[in-house]
């Protein structure tokens, strides 16, 4: 039997704080969502001024990254590359850049999704959050 790593509530708080700091440093109003490896919401923060829609998109991006075990940008690239049939993939609603999986020892233990600014900036915020827990 193998040991399974998972995000603890202290990890979620660290990720949210570091992601928030990255967003505030750049004056970006975003929503940050963290999910477990099954895509279930563990924590979310909507910064002042973040668009209401971002509160739907950030968890969707995180969910997509967790279930797919890869950055949500991969799916955006596939669709933009012409494989539009991928839009019918079940349970993947956040197929835009900004969802980043949290990988520990080669296994996905969750994901961070960010929405509210340019997609590459969303991903930058997510990665800053993940870096706070040493991954």
N, C-alpha and C. Protein backbone atom coordinates (compact mmCIF):
# COMPACT_ATOMS: atom_id res chain seq x y z
N UNK A 1 0.84 -1.17 0.00
CA UNK A 1 0.00 0.00 0.00
C UNK A 1 0.89 1.24 0.00
N UNK A 2 0.50 2.26 -0.75
CA UNK A 2 1.26 3.49 -0.86
C UNK A 2 0.69 4.57 0.04
N UNK A 3 1.53 5.48 0.42
CA UNK A 3 1.10 6.65 1.17
C UNK A 3 0.67 7.72 0.17
N UNK A 4 -0.44 8.36 0.45
CA UNK A 4 -0.96 9.39 -0.44
C UNK A 4 -0.80 10.76 0.22
N UNK A 5 -0.11 11.65 -0.45
CA UNK A 5 0.01 13.02 0.03
C UNK A 5 -1.27 13.77 -0.29
N UNK A 6 -1.56 14.80 0.50
CA UNK A 6 -2.73 15.63 0.24
C UNK A 6 -2.48 17.03 0.78
N UNK A 7 -3.24 17.98 0.28
CA UNK A 7 -3.15 19.35 0.77
C UNK A 7 -3.87 19.47 2.09
N UNK A 8 -3.16 19.99 3.09
CA UNK A 8 -3.76 20.24 4.39
C UNK A 8 -4.29 21.68 4.43
N UNK A 9 -5.11 21.98 5.40
CA UNK A 9 -5.67 23.33 5.49
C UNK A 9 -4.57 24.38 5.64
N UNK A 10 -3.47 24.03 6.31
CA UNK A 10 -2.36 24.98 6.43
C UNK A 10 -1.72 25.24 5.07
N UNK A 11 -1.66 24.22 4.21
CA UNK A 11 -1.14 24.41 2.85
C UNK A 11 -2.04 25.35 2.06
N UNK A 12 -3.33 25.14 2.18
CA UNK A 12 -4.30 25.97 1.46
C UNK A 12 -4.15 27.43 1.87
N UNK A 13 -3.99 27.68 3.16
CA UNK A 13 -3.82 29.05 3.65
C UNK A 13 -2.54 29.67 3.11
N UNK A 14 -1.45 28.90 3.08
CA UNK A 14 -0.18 29.41 2.55
C UNK A 14 -0.29 29.73 1.07
N UNK A 15 -0.90 28.84 0.32
CA UNK A 15 -1.06 29.05 -1.12
C UNK A 15 -1.90 30.30 -1.38
N UNK A 16 -3.02 30.41 -0.67
CA UNK A 16 -3.89 31.58 -0.86
C UNK A 16 -3.15 32.87 -0.52
N UNK A 17 -2.40 32.87 0.58
CA UNK A 17 -1.69 34.08 1.00
C UNK A 17 -0.62 34.47 -0.02
N UNK A 18 0.14 33.50 -0.51
CA UNK A 18 1.20 33.81 -1.48
C UNK A 18 0.62 34.24 -2.82
N UNK A 19 -0.45 33.59 -3.24
CA UNK A 19 -1.10 33.97 -4.49
C UNK A 19 -1.70 35.37 -4.37
N UNK A 20 -2.32 35.64 -3.23
CA UNK A 20 -2.87 36.98 -3.00
C UNK A 20 -1.76 38.02 -3.03
N UNK A 21 -0.64 37.74 -2.39
CA UNK A 21 0.48 38.69 -2.37
C UNK A 21 0.99 38.98 -3.79
N UNK A 22 1.07 37.93 -4.62
CA UNK A 22 1.51 38.11 -6.01
C UNK A 22 0.52 38.98 -6.77
N UNK A 23 -0.76 38.74 -6.57
CA UNK A 23 -1.79 39.54 -7.25
C UNK A 23 -1.75 40.99 -6.79
N UNK A 24 -1.65 41.20 -5.49
CA UNK A 24 -1.64 42.57 -4.97
C UNK A 24 -0.39 43.32 -5.40
N UNK A 25 0.75 42.63 -5.43
CA UNK A 25 2.00 43.25 -5.86
C UNK A 25 1.87 43.83 -7.27
N UNK A 26 1.08 43.15 -8.10
CA UNK A 26 0.90 43.56 -9.49
C UNK A 26 -0.39 44.35 -9.72
N UNK A 27 -1.12 44.63 -8.65
CA UNK A 27 -2.39 45.37 -8.73
C UNK A 27 -3.41 44.65 -9.61
N UNK A 28 -3.51 43.33 -9.40
CA UNK A 28 -4.45 42.51 -10.17
C UNK A 28 -5.60 42.07 -9.27
N UNK A 29 -6.81 42.34 -9.68
CA UNK A 29 -8.00 41.91 -8.96
C UNK A 29 -8.46 40.57 -9.53
N UNK A 30 -8.27 39.51 -8.76
CA UNK A 30 -8.55 38.16 -9.24
C UNK A 30 -9.27 37.34 -8.17
N UNK A 31 -9.75 36.19 -8.61
CA UNK A 31 -10.23 35.16 -7.69
C UNK A 31 -9.25 34.00 -7.75
N UNK A 32 -8.92 33.46 -6.58
CA UNK A 32 -7.98 32.35 -6.45
C UNK A 32 -8.74 31.18 -5.83
N UNK A 33 -8.67 30.02 -6.47
CA UNK A 33 -9.36 28.84 -5.95
C UNK A 33 -8.37 27.68 -5.84
N UNK A 34 -8.52 26.89 -4.79
CA UNK A 34 -7.68 25.71 -4.57
C UNK A 34 -8.61 24.51 -4.41
N UNK A 35 -8.25 23.43 -5.12
CA UNK A 35 -9.03 22.20 -5.05
C UNK A 35 -8.12 21.03 -4.68
N UNK A 36 -8.74 19.93 -4.24
CA UNK A 36 -7.98 18.71 -3.97
C UNK A 36 -7.78 17.94 -5.27
N UNK A 37 -7.22 16.74 -5.18
CA UNK A 37 -6.92 15.96 -6.38
C UNK A 37 -8.16 15.50 -7.13
N UNK A 38 -9.31 15.55 -6.51
CA UNK A 38 -10.57 15.19 -7.17
C UNK A 38 -11.33 16.40 -7.68
N UNK A 39 -10.73 17.59 -7.54
CA UNK A 39 -11.37 18.80 -8.03
C UNK A 39 -12.34 19.45 -7.06
N UNK A 40 -12.34 19.00 -5.81
CA UNK A 40 -13.27 19.55 -4.81
C UNK A 40 -12.66 20.77 -4.15
N UNK A 41 -13.44 21.82 -4.04
CA UNK A 41 -12.98 23.10 -3.53
C UNK A 41 -12.51 23.00 -2.08
N UNK A 42 -11.28 23.47 -1.84
CA UNK A 42 -10.71 23.52 -0.49
C UNK A 42 -10.66 24.95 0.05
N UNK A 43 -10.50 25.91 -0.85
CA UNK A 43 -10.43 27.30 -0.43
C UNK A 43 -10.54 28.23 -1.62
N UNK A 44 -11.07 29.43 -1.36
CA UNK A 44 -11.22 30.40 -2.44
C UNK A 44 -11.17 31.80 -1.85
N UNK A 45 -10.59 32.72 -2.62
CA UNK A 45 -10.51 34.11 -2.21
C UNK A 45 -10.78 34.99 -3.42
N UNK A 46 -11.77 35.84 -3.29
CA UNK A 46 -12.07 36.81 -4.36
C UNK A 46 -11.62 38.18 -3.87
N UNK A 47 -10.60 38.71 -4.52
CA UNK A 47 -10.06 39.99 -4.13
C UNK A 47 -11.01 41.13 -4.51
N UNK A 48 -10.91 42.23 -3.79
CA UNK A 48 -11.74 43.39 -4.08
C UNK A 48 -11.56 43.80 -5.54
N UNK A 49 -12.66 44.01 -6.22
CA UNK A 49 -12.63 44.45 -7.60
C UNK A 49 -12.56 43.32 -8.62
N UNK A 50 -12.42 42.08 -8.17
CA UNK A 50 -12.38 40.96 -9.11
C UNK A 50 -13.75 40.80 -9.77
N UNK A 51 -13.76 40.52 -11.07
CA UNK A 51 -15.04 40.37 -11.76
C UNK A 51 -15.87 39.23 -11.16
N UNK A 52 -17.18 39.39 -11.06
CA UNK A 52 -18.02 38.32 -10.52
C UNK A 52 -17.82 36.98 -11.24
N UNK A 53 -17.64 37.02 -12.56
CA UNK A 53 -17.46 35.78 -13.32
C UNK A 53 -16.22 35.02 -12.88
N UNK A 54 -15.21 35.74 -12.38
CA UNK A 54 -13.97 35.07 -11.96
C UNK A 54 -14.22 34.09 -10.82
N UNK A 55 -15.27 34.31 -10.03
CA UNK A 55 -15.61 33.40 -8.94
C UNK A 55 -16.14 32.07 -9.47
N UNK A 56 -16.54 32.02 -10.72
CA UNK A 56 -16.94 30.77 -11.36
C UNK A 56 -15.77 30.15 -12.13
N UNK A 57 -14.99 31.02 -12.78
CA UNK A 57 -13.92 30.52 -13.65
C UNK A 57 -12.72 29.98 -12.87
N UNK A 58 -12.33 30.61 -11.78
CA UNK A 58 -11.15 30.15 -11.02
C UNK A 58 -11.32 28.71 -10.52
N UNK A 59 -12.44 28.36 -9.89
CA UNK A 59 -12.61 26.96 -9.47
C UNK A 59 -12.69 26.00 -10.67
N UNK A 60 -13.26 26.47 -11.78
CA UNK A 60 -13.34 25.62 -12.97
C UNK A 60 -11.95 25.32 -13.52
N UNK A 61 -11.08 26.34 -13.55
CA UNK A 61 -9.71 26.13 -14.02
C UNK A 61 -8.96 25.18 -13.09
N UNK A 62 -9.14 25.36 -11.78
CA UNK A 62 -8.49 24.48 -10.81
C UNK A 62 -8.98 23.05 -10.97
N UNK A 63 -10.28 22.89 -11.12
CA UNK A 63 -10.88 21.57 -11.31
C UNK A 63 -10.31 20.88 -12.54
N UNK A 64 -10.21 21.60 -13.64
CA UNK A 64 -9.68 21.06 -14.89
C UNK A 64 -8.23 20.62 -14.71
N UNK A 65 -7.43 21.44 -14.03
CA UNK A 65 -6.02 21.10 -13.81
C UNK A 65 -5.88 19.88 -12.90
N UNK A 66 -6.73 19.77 -11.89
CA UNK A 66 -6.65 18.63 -10.97
C UNK A 66 -7.08 17.34 -11.66
N UNK A 67 -8.22 17.37 -12.34
CA UNK A 67 -8.71 16.15 -12.97
C UNK A 67 -7.84 15.71 -14.14
N UNK A 68 -7.29 16.69 -14.86
CA UNK A 68 -6.44 16.37 -16.00
C UNK A 68 -4.99 16.13 -15.64
N UNK A 69 -4.63 16.50 -14.39
CA UNK A 69 -3.25 16.32 -13.92
C UNK A 69 -2.24 17.10 -14.73
N UNK A 70 -2.69 18.22 -15.32
CA UNK A 70 -1.81 19.09 -16.11
C UNK A 70 -2.40 20.48 -16.14
N UNK A 71 -1.59 21.44 -16.57
CA UNK A 71 -2.08 22.81 -16.62
C UNK A 71 -3.27 22.92 -17.57
N UNK A 72 -4.22 23.74 -17.20
CA UNK A 72 -5.41 23.92 -18.03
C UNK A 72 -5.07 24.52 -19.39
N UNK A 73 -3.94 25.19 -19.49
CA UNK A 73 -3.49 25.77 -20.76
C UNK A 73 -3.35 24.70 -21.85
N UNK A 74 -3.00 23.48 -21.46
CA UNK A 74 -2.85 22.38 -22.42
C UNK A 74 -4.15 22.21 -23.22
N UNK A 75 -5.27 22.26 -22.52
CA UNK A 75 -6.56 22.08 -23.19
C UNK A 75 -6.90 23.27 -24.08
N UNK A 76 -6.58 24.46 -23.61
CA UNK A 76 -6.79 25.65 -24.44
C UNK A 76 -6.00 25.53 -25.74
N UNK A 77 -4.75 25.10 -25.62
CA UNK A 77 -3.90 24.94 -26.81
C UNK A 77 -4.44 23.88 -27.76
N UNK A 78 -4.96 22.78 -27.23
CA UNK A 78 -5.53 21.72 -28.06
C UNK A 78 -6.73 22.26 -28.85
N UNK A 79 -7.59 23.00 -28.16
CA UNK A 79 -8.78 23.55 -28.81
C UNK A 79 -8.39 24.61 -29.84
N UNK A 80 -7.47 25.50 -29.46
CA UNK A 80 -7.02 26.53 -30.40
C UNK A 80 -6.28 25.93 -31.58
N UNK A 81 -5.72 24.75 -31.40
CA UNK A 81 -5.03 24.05 -32.47
C UNK A 81 -5.98 23.38 -33.45
N UNK A 82 -7.27 23.48 -33.20
CA UNK A 82 -8.24 22.95 -34.15
C UNK A 82 -9.06 21.77 -33.68
N UNK A 83 -8.72 21.21 -32.56
CA UNK A 83 -9.47 20.04 -32.07
C UNK A 83 -10.64 20.52 -31.20
N UNK A 84 -11.59 21.18 -31.85
CA UNK A 84 -12.72 21.78 -31.14
C UNK A 84 -13.66 20.75 -30.53
N UNK A 85 -13.59 19.52 -30.99
CA UNK A 85 -14.41 18.46 -30.40
C UNK A 85 -14.08 18.29 -28.92
N UNK A 86 -12.89 18.72 -28.51
CA UNK A 86 -12.50 18.59 -27.10
C UNK A 86 -13.38 19.44 -26.19
N UNK A 87 -14.09 20.40 -26.77
CA UNK A 87 -15.01 21.22 -25.98
C UNK A 87 -16.13 20.37 -25.36
N UNK A 88 -16.34 19.18 -25.88
CA UNK A 88 -17.39 18.30 -25.34
C UNK A 88 -16.87 17.39 -24.23
N UNK A 89 -15.61 17.55 -23.81
CA UNK A 89 -15.05 16.72 -22.73
C UNK A 89 -15.90 16.90 -21.47
N UNK A 90 -16.33 15.81 -20.86
CA UNK A 90 -17.19 15.92 -19.68
C UNK A 90 -16.42 16.45 -18.47
N UNK A 91 -17.10 17.29 -17.69
CA UNK A 91 -16.59 17.80 -16.41
C UNK A 91 -15.37 18.69 -16.50
N UNK A 92 -14.99 19.13 -17.69
CA UNK A 92 -13.89 20.08 -17.83
C UNK A 92 -14.46 21.38 -18.35
N UNK A 93 -14.65 22.35 -17.46
CA UNK A 93 -15.28 23.61 -17.83
C UNK A 93 -14.31 24.78 -17.84
N UNK A 94 -13.12 24.59 -17.31
CA UNK A 94 -12.16 25.67 -17.23
C UNK A 94 -10.97 25.43 -18.13
N UNK A 95 -11.22 25.29 -19.41
CA UNK A 95 -10.15 24.95 -20.35
C UNK A 95 -9.47 26.21 -20.90
N UNK A 96 -9.04 27.05 -19.98
CA UNK A 96 -8.28 28.27 -20.29
C UNK A 96 -7.06 28.29 -19.38
N UNK A 97 -6.00 28.95 -19.80
CA UNK A 97 -4.79 29.05 -18.98
C UNK A 97 -5.13 29.70 -17.64
N UNK A 98 -4.48 29.20 -16.59
CA UNK A 98 -4.70 29.75 -15.26
C UNK A 98 -4.97 28.70 -14.22
N UNK A 99 -5.09 27.44 -14.65
CA UNK A 99 -5.22 26.31 -13.72
C UNK A 99 -3.91 25.55 -13.70
N UNK A 100 -3.34 25.37 -12.51
CA UNK A 100 -2.03 24.73 -12.38
C UNK A 100 -2.12 23.60 -11.35
N UNK A 101 -1.72 22.39 -11.72
CA UNK A 101 -1.77 21.30 -10.74
C UNK A 101 -0.68 21.45 -9.68
N UNK A 102 -0.95 20.94 -8.50
CA UNK A 102 0.03 20.88 -7.43
C UNK A 102 0.59 19.46 -7.45
N UNK A 103 1.86 19.33 -7.78
CA UNK A 103 2.49 18.02 -7.95
C UNK A 103 3.49 17.77 -6.83
N UNK A 104 3.35 16.64 -6.16
CA UNK A 104 4.28 16.22 -5.11
C UNK A 104 4.73 14.81 -5.42
N UNK A 105 6.03 14.65 -5.58
CA UNK A 105 6.63 13.35 -5.86
C UNK A 105 5.96 12.67 -7.06
N UNK A 106 5.68 13.47 -8.08
CA UNK A 106 5.12 12.95 -9.32
C UNK A 106 3.62 12.71 -9.31
N UNK A 107 2.95 13.05 -8.22
CA UNK A 107 1.51 12.83 -8.11
C UNK A 107 0.79 14.15 -7.91
N UNK A 108 -0.35 14.29 -8.57
CA UNK A 108 -1.18 15.48 -8.41
C UNK A 108 -1.93 15.38 -7.09
N UNK A 109 -1.75 16.38 -6.23
CA UNK A 109 -2.44 16.38 -4.94
C UNK A 109 -3.48 17.50 -4.86
N UNK A 110 -3.64 18.22 -5.95
CA UNK A 110 -4.61 19.31 -6.00
C UNK A 110 -4.26 20.25 -7.13
N UNK A 111 -4.88 21.43 -7.12
CA UNK A 111 -4.61 22.41 -8.15
C UNK A 111 -5.05 23.79 -7.67
N UNK A 112 -4.46 24.79 -8.33
CA UNK A 112 -4.82 26.18 -8.06
C UNK A 112 -5.34 26.77 -9.37
N UNK A 113 -6.46 27.46 -9.29
CA UNK A 113 -7.02 28.15 -10.44
C UNK A 113 -7.17 29.62 -10.13
N UNK A 114 -6.82 30.46 -11.08
CA UNK A 114 -6.92 31.91 -10.91
C UNK A 114 -7.62 32.50 -12.12
N UNK A 115 -8.46 33.50 -11.88
CA UNK A 115 -9.16 34.17 -12.97
C UNK A 115 -9.34 35.64 -12.62
N UNK A 116 -9.23 36.49 -13.64
CA UNK A 116 -9.50 37.90 -13.45
C UNK A 116 -8.62 38.82 -14.26
N UNK A 117 -7.45 38.33 -14.68
CA UNK A 117 -6.55 39.13 -15.52
C UNK A 117 -6.19 38.30 -16.74
N UNK A 118 -5.15 38.68 -17.46
CA UNK A 118 -4.74 37.89 -18.63
C UNK A 118 -4.39 36.47 -18.17
N UNK A 119 -4.64 35.51 -19.03
CA UNK A 119 -4.46 34.11 -18.65
C UNK A 119 -3.05 33.80 -18.18
N UNK A 120 -2.04 34.35 -18.85
CA UNK A 120 -0.67 34.07 -18.41
C UNK A 120 -0.40 34.69 -17.04
N UNK A 121 -1.07 35.80 -16.73
CA UNK A 121 -0.93 36.41 -15.41
C UNK A 121 -1.66 35.58 -14.36
N UNK A 122 -2.81 35.03 -14.72
CA UNK A 122 -3.52 34.10 -13.83
C UNK A 122 -2.60 32.94 -13.45
N UNK A 123 -1.93 32.36 -14.45
CA UNK A 123 -1.02 31.24 -14.20
C UNK A 123 0.16 31.67 -13.33
N UNK A 124 0.66 32.86 -13.54
CA UNK A 124 1.76 33.38 -12.74
C UNK A 124 1.37 33.44 -11.26
N UNK A 125 0.17 33.89 -10.98
CA UNK A 125 -0.33 33.97 -9.61
C UNK A 125 -0.47 32.58 -9.01
N UNK A 126 -1.03 31.65 -9.78
CA UNK A 126 -1.19 30.28 -9.30
C UNK A 126 0.15 29.65 -8.95
N UNK A 127 1.13 29.83 -9.81
CA UNK A 127 2.45 29.25 -9.59
C UNK A 127 3.15 29.89 -8.38
N UNK A 128 2.92 31.18 -8.16
CA UNK A 128 3.49 31.84 -6.97
C UNK A 128 2.89 31.24 -5.71
N UNK A 129 1.61 30.94 -5.75
CA UNK A 129 0.96 30.31 -4.60
C UNK A 129 1.53 28.94 -4.30
N UNK A 130 1.68 28.14 -5.35
CA UNK A 130 2.21 26.77 -5.19
C UNK A 130 3.64 26.80 -4.66
N UNK A 131 4.43 27.76 -5.14
CA UNK A 131 5.82 27.87 -4.69
C UNK A 131 5.92 28.09 -3.19
N UNK A 132 4.89 28.68 -2.58
CA UNK A 132 4.91 28.96 -1.15
C UNK A 132 4.97 27.70 -0.30
N UNK A 133 4.55 26.57 -0.85
CA UNK A 133 4.62 25.32 -0.08
C UNK A 133 5.80 24.46 -0.54
N UNK A 134 6.70 25.08 -1.28
CA UNK A 134 7.93 24.40 -1.67
C UNK A 134 7.79 23.42 -2.81
N UNK A 135 6.77 23.59 -3.62
CA UNK A 135 6.57 22.69 -4.78
C UNK A 135 6.62 23.47 -6.07
